[in-house]
Amino acid sequence: MEKVARGIYITDDVWPDELFILQTKNPTVIFSGETALYLHGLIDREYTEVCITVPNGYNATRLKSANVRVKYVTKEIHGMGVCSVPSISGNTVRAYDQERCICELIKDRKKYEVQNFQTAVKEYMAGKGKNLSRLVEYAEKLKIRDEVMKYVEVLV
């Protein structure tokens, strides 16, 4: 067995689950951005780098040096929309729910590839599990209600 993190060991024939290990080592992190979109099945291409969100003031120096994209938010909105999803290897990790992901996608649309942006919004709007009232609630808290409503009106 090989030790991959404090209290986590894997056998030689198992691929390490990088998301599960990262979150076990850093319980404050929440997967967001392309990583969360991929975990929810809203984009079809695997993320190029792990994206996480942490509260303002969190020391993420080690994470940044490990090629992890870190986003800082206020403590009030850090926990908004957190859910449990299975990682690629089937372990449970915490990520933002689909509605929070869509709000952040629209808010930071210039930071995403056009194809990922379009695919994620279309997949969400066409999905059976969407919760538009929660989407609007998050949009109001993130102060992007008007932008979100443009997409809701066109695609629903």
C-alpha atoms as a PDB file:
ATOM      1  CA  MET A   1       0.000   0.000   0.000  1.00  0.00           C
ATOM      2  CA  GLU A   2       1.070   3.534  -0.703  1.00  0.00           C
ATOM      3  CA  LYS A   3       0.302   6.527   1.480  1.00  0.00           C
ATOM      4  CA  VAL A   4      -1.127   9.341  -0.672  1.00  0.00           C
ATOM      5  CA  ALA A   5      -2.360  11.641   2.104  1.00  0.00           C
ATOM      6  CA  ARG A   6      -2.805  11.618   5.836  1.00  0.00           C
ATOM      7  CA  GLY A   7      -5.014   8.624   6.567  1.00  0.00           C
ATOM      8  CA  ILE A   8      -5.415   7.684   2.888  1.00  0.00           C
ATOM      9  CA  TYR A   9      -3.676   4.681   1.420  1.00  0.00           C
ATOM     10  CA  ILE A  10      -4.080   3.010  -1.956  1.00  0.00           C
ATOM     11  CA  THR A  11      -2.887  -0.236  -3.411  1.00  0.00           C
ATOM     12  CA  ASP A  12      -0.521  -0.321  -6.360  1.00  0.00           C
ATOM     13  CA  ASP A  13      -3.242  -1.453  -8.781  1.00  0.00           C
ATOM     14  CA  VAL A  14      -5.515   1.563  -8.121  1.00  0.00           C
ATOM     15  CA  TRP A  15      -5.324   4.982  -9.780  1.00  0.00           C
ATOM     16  CA  PRO A  16      -5.196   7.737  -7.167  1.00  0.00           C
ATOM     17  CA  ASP A  17      -8.338   9.899  -7.108  1.00  0.00           C
ATOM     18  CA  GLU A  18      -6.752  13.360  -7.287  1.00  0.00           C
ATOM     19  CA  LEU A  19      -9.976  15.206  -6.413  1.00  0.00           C
ATOM     20  CA  PHE A  20     -10.743  13.055  -3.377  1.00  0.00           C
ATOM     21  CA  ILE A  21      -7.153  13.300  -2.128  1.00  0.00           C
ATOM     22  CA  LEU A  22      -7.070  17.072  -2.656  1.00  0.00           C
ATOM     23  CA  GLN A  23     -10.286  17.589  -0.722  1.00  0.00           C
ATOM     24  CA  THR A  24      -9.246  15.238   2.066  1.00  0.00           C
ATOM     25  CA  LYS A  25      -6.022  17.194   2.519  1.00  0.00           C
ATOM     26  CA  ASN A  26      -7.875  20.540   2.284  1.00  0.00           C
ATOM     27  CA  PRO A  27     -11.427  20.145   3.643  1.00  0.00           C
ATOM     28  CA  THR A  28     -12.286  23.817   3.029  1.00  0.00           C
ATOM     29  CA  VAL A  29     -11.996  23.578  -0.762  1.00  0.00           C
ATOM     30  CA  ILE A  30     -15.073  23.220  -2.928  1.00  0.00           C
ATOM     31  CA  PHE A  31     -14.728  22.144  -6.543  1.00  0.00           C
ATOM     32  CA  SER A  32     -15.980  24.772  -8.947  1.00  0.00           C
ATOM     33  CA  GLY A  33     -15.550  26.019 -12.498  1.00  0.00           C
ATOM     34  CA  GLU A  34     -14.814  23.478 -15.212  1.00  0.00           C
ATOM     35  CA  THR A  35     -14.123  20.800 -12.611  1.00  0.00           C
ATOM     36  CA  ALA A  36     -17.638  21.045 -11.132  1.00  0.00           C
ATOM     37  CA  LEU A  37     -19.227  21.365 -14.579  1.00  0.00           C
ATOM     38  CA  TYR A  38     -17.489  18.139 -15.629  1.00  0.00           C
ATOM     39  CA  LEU A  39     -18.500  16.315 -12.436  1.00  0.00           C
ATOM     40  CA  HIS A  40     -22.142  17.271 -13.096  1.00  0.00           C
ATOM     41  CA  GLY A  41     -21.914  16.159 -16.720  1.00  0.00           C
ATOM     42  CA  LEU A  42     -22.575  19.657 -18.063  1.00  0.00           C
ATOM     43  CA  ILE A  43     -19.478  19.667 -20.282  1.00  0.00           C
ATOM     44  CA  ASP A  44     -18.195  16.770 -22.304  1.00  0.00           C
ATOM     45  CA  ARG A  45     -14.476  17.559 -22.235  1.00  0.00           C
ATOM     46  CA  GLU A  46     -12.469  16.846 -19.102  1.00  0.00           C
ATOM     47  CA  TYR A  47     -11.217  19.887 -17.238  1.00  0.00           C
ATOM     48  CA  THR A  48      -7.699  21.045 -18.070  1.00  0.00           C
ATOM     49  CA  GLU A  49      -6.880  22.046 -14.499  1.00  0.00           C
ATOM     50  CA  VAL A  50      -8.560  21.488 -11.167  1.00  0.00           C
ATOM     51  CA  CYS A  51     -10.640  24.513 -10.158  1.00  0.00           C
ATOM     52  CA  ILE A  52     -11.498  25.152  -6.517  1.00  0.00           C
ATOM     53  CA  THR A  53     -13.090  27.920  -4.484  1.00  0.00           C
ATOM     54  CA  VAL A  54     -11.973  28.915  -1.004  1.00  0.00           C
ATOM     55  CA  PRO A  55     -13.011  31.699   1.366  1.00  0.00           C
ATOM     56  CA  ASN A  56     -11.070  34.968   1.394  1.00  0.00           C
ATOM     57  CA  GLY A  57      -8.013  34.706   3.620  1.00  0.00           C
ATOM     58  CA  TYR A  58      -7.426  30.993   2.971  1.00  0.00           C
ATOM     59  CA  ASN A  59      -3.744  30.223   2.399  1.00  0.00           C
ATOM     60  CA  ALA A  60      -3.714  28.399  -0.929  1.00  0.00           C
ATOM     61  CA  THR A  61      -0.032  28.766  -1.758  1.00  0.00           C
ATOM     62  CA  ARG A  62       0.543  24.980  -1.809  1.00  0.00           C
ATOM     63  CA  LEU A  63      -2.482  24.470  -4.026  1.00  0.00           C
ATOM     64  CA  LYS A  64      -1.428  27.098  -6.566  1.00  0.00           C
ATOM     65  CA  SER A  65       2.012  25.512  -6.854  1.00  0.00           C
ATOM     66  CA  ALA A  66       0.302  22.158  -7.567  1.00  0.00           C
ATOM     67  CA  ASN A  67      -1.371  23.579 -10.724  1.00  0.00           C
ATOM     68  CA  VAL A  68      -4.752  24.144  -9.091  1.00  0.00           C
ATOM     69  CA  ARG A  69      -6.755  27.232 -10.089  1.00  0.00           C
ATOM     70  CA  VAL A  70      -7.936  28.929  -6.905  1.00  0.00           C
ATOM     71  CA  LYS A  71     -10.844  31.348  -6.711  1.00  0.00           C
ATOM     72  CA  TYR A  72     -11.480  33.399  -3.586  1.00  0.00           C
ATOM     73  CA  VAL A  73     -14.976  34.422  -2.460  1.00  0.00           C
ATOM     74  CA  THR A  74     -16.468  35.947   0.668  1.00  0.00           C
ATOM     75  CA  LYS A  75     -17.242  33.610   3.532  1.00  0.00           C
ATOM     76  CA  GLU A  76     -20.948  34.423   3.170  1.00  0.00           C
ATOM     77  CA  ILE A  77     -21.215  32.908  -0.296  1.00  0.00           C
ATOM     78  CA  HIS A  78     -18.506  30.244  -0.023  1.00  0.00           C
ATOM     79  CA  GLY A  79     -20.906  27.572   1.244  1.00  0.00           C
ATOM     80  CA  MET A  80     -23.829  28.548  -0.990  1.00  0.00           C
ATOM     81  CA  GLY A  81     -24.836  25.705  -3.281  1.00  0.00           C
ATOM     82  CA  VAL A  82     -22.479  23.009  -2.016  1.00  0.00           C
ATOM     83  CA  CYS A  83     -23.493  19.436  -2.819  1.00  0.00           C
ATOM     84  CA  SER A  84     -21.897  15.999  -2.842  1.00  0.00           C
ATOM     85  CA  VAL A  85     -21.083  14.436  -6.194  1.00  0.00           C
ATOM     86  CA  PRO A  86     -19.128  11.367  -7.231  1.00  0.00           C
ATOM     87  CA  SER A  87     -15.621  12.003  -8.499  1.00  0.00           C
ATOM     88  CA  ILE A  88     -14.311  10.364 -11.649  1.00  0.00           C
ATOM     89  CA  SER A  89     -13.220   7.383  -9.532  1.00  0.00           C
ATOM     90  CA  GLY A  90     -16.544   7.183  -7.684  1.00  0.00           C
ATOM     91  CA  ASN A  91     -15.523   8.761  -4.380  1.00  0.00           C
ATOM     92  CA  THR A  92     -17.791  11.446  -2.945  1.00  0.00           C
ATOM     93  CA  VAL A  93     -16.452  15.009  -3.136  1.00  0.00           C
ATOM     94  CA  ARG A  94     -17.992  18.420  -2.504  1.00  0.00           C
ATOM     95  CA  ALA A  95     -18.667  20.703  -5.443  1.00  0.00           C
ATOM     96  CA  TYR A  96     -21.029  23.521  -6.231  1.00  0.00           C
ATOM     97  CA  ASP A  97     -24.430  22.412  -7.471  1.00  0.00           C
ATOM     98  CA  GLN A  98     -25.478  22.929 -11.072  1.00  0.00           C
ATOM     99  CA  GLU A  99     -27.238  26.223 -10.396  1.00  0.00           C
ATOM    100  CA  ARG A 100     -24.213  27.769  -8.681  1.00  0.00           C
ATOM    101  CA  CYS A 101     -21.992  26.494 -11.506  1.00  0.00           C
ATOM    102  CA  ILE A 102     -24.214  28.109 -14.135  1.00  0.00           C
ATOM    103  CA  CYS A 103     -24.285  31.413 -12.232  1.00  0.00           C
ATOM    104  CA  GLU A 104     -20.501  31.458 -11.970  1.00  0.00           C
ATOM    105  CA  LEU A 105     -20.187  30.414 -15.600  1.00  0.00           C
ATOM    106  CA  ILE A 106     -22.328  33.359 -16.709  1.00  0.00           C
ATOM    107  CA  LYS A 107     -20.589  35.746 -14.307  1.00  0.00           C
ATOM    108  CA  ASP A 108     -17.107  34.793 -15.569  1.00  0.00           C
ATOM    109  CA  ARG A 109     -18.059  33.874 -19.158  1.00  0.00           C
ATOM    110  CA  LYS A 110     -14.944  35.501 -20.643  1.00  0.00           C
ATOM    111  CA  LYS A 111     -12.726  33.088 -18.689  1.00  0.00           C
ATOM    112  CA  TYR A 112     -14.300  29.990 -20.283  1.00  0.00           C
ATOM    113  CA  GLU A 113     -13.882  28.530 -23.733  1.00  0.00           C
ATOM    114  CA  VAL A 114     -16.893  29.321 -25.904  1.00  0.00           C
ATOM    115  CA  GLN A 115     -17.623  25.640 -26.525  1.00  0.00           C
ATOM    116  CA  ASN A 116     -17.650  24.785 -22.804  1.00  0.00           C
ATOM    117  CA  PHE A 117     -19.819  27.813 -22.057  1.00  0.00           C
ATOM    118  CA  GLN A 118     -22.413  26.970 -24.701  1.00  0.00           C
ATOM    119  CA  THR A 119     -22.453  23.257 -23.913  1.00  0.00           C
ATOM    120  CA  ALA A 120     -22.878  23.799 -20.170  1.00  0.00           C
ATOM    121  CA  VAL A 121     -25.711  26.323 -20.486  1.00  0.00           C
ATOM    122  CA  LYS A 122     -27.566  24.211 -23.075  1.00  0.00           C
ATOM    123  CA  GLU A 123     -27.126  20.985 -21.065  1.00  0.00           C
ATOM    124  CA  TYR A 124     -28.369  22.649 -17.898  1.00  0.00           C
ATOM    125  CA  MET A 125     -31.400  24.246 -19.533  1.00  0.00           C
ATOM    126  CA  ALA A 126     -32.318  20.984 -21.295  1.00  0.00           C
ATOM    127  CA  GLY A 127     -31.789  18.853 -18.171  1.00  0.00           C
ATOM    128  CA  LYS A 128     -34.586  17.440 -16.058  1.00  0.00           C
ATOM    129  CA  GLY A 129     -32.857  18.230 -12.774  1.00  0.00           C
ATOM    130  CA  LYS A 130     -32.688  21.999 -13.206  1.00  0.00           C
ATOM    131  CA  ASN A 131     -34.088  24.250 -10.494  1.00  0.00           C
ATOM    132  CA  LEU A 132     -34.736  27.671 -12.016  1.00  0.00           C
ATOM    133  CA  SER A 133     -35.956  29.239  -8.780  1.00  0.00           C
ATOM    134  CA  ARG A 134     -32.677  28.280  -7.083  1.00  0.00           C
ATOM    135  CA  LEU A 135     -30.763  29.577 -10.117  1.00  0.00           C
ATOM    136  CA  VAL A 136     -32.454  32.976  -9.802  1.00  0.00           C
ATOM    137  CA  GLU A 137     -31.933  33.002  -6.020  1.00  0.00           C
ATOM    138  CA  TYR A 138     -28.187  32.415  -6.460  1.00  0.00           C
ATOM    139  CA  ALA A 139     -28.059  34.992  -9.281  1.00  0.00           C
ATOM    140  CA  GLU A 140     -29.559  37.596  -6.965  1.00  0.00           C
ATOM    141  CA  LYS A 141     -27.036  36.821  -4.227  1.00  0.00           C
ATOM    142  CA  LEU A 142     -24.189  37.003  -6.744  1.00  0.00           C
ATOM    143  CA  LYS A 143     -25.639  40.230  -8.216  1.00  0.00           C
ATOM    144  CA  ILE A 144     -25.974  38.865 -11.761  1.00  0.00           C
ATOM    145  CA  ARG A 145     -29.748  38.363 -11.964  1.00  0.00           C
ATOM    146  CA  ASP A 146     -30.209  40.338 -15.214  1.00  0.00           C
ATOM    147  CA  GLU A 147     -27.485  38.411 -17.063  1.00  0.00           C
ATOM    148  CA  VAL A 148     -28.850  35.050 -15.892  1.00  0.00           C
ATOM    149  CA  MET A 149     -32.404  35.993 -16.852  1.00  0.00           C
ATOM    150  CA  LYS A 150     -31.269  36.706 -20.434  1.00  0.00           C
ATOM    151  CA  TYR A 151     -30.210  33.085 -20.803  1.00  0.00           C
ATOM    152  CA  VAL A 152     -33.243  31.706 -18.987  1.00  0.00           C
ATOM    153  CA  GLU A 153     -35.660  33.656 -21.210  1.00  0.00           C
ATOM    154  CA  VAL A 154     -33.961  32.561 -24.425  1.00  0.00           C
ATOM    155  CA  LEU A 155     -33.300  28.899 -23.624  1.00  0.00           C
ATOM    156  CA  VAL A 156     -36.348  27.832 -21.596  1.00  0.00           C
END
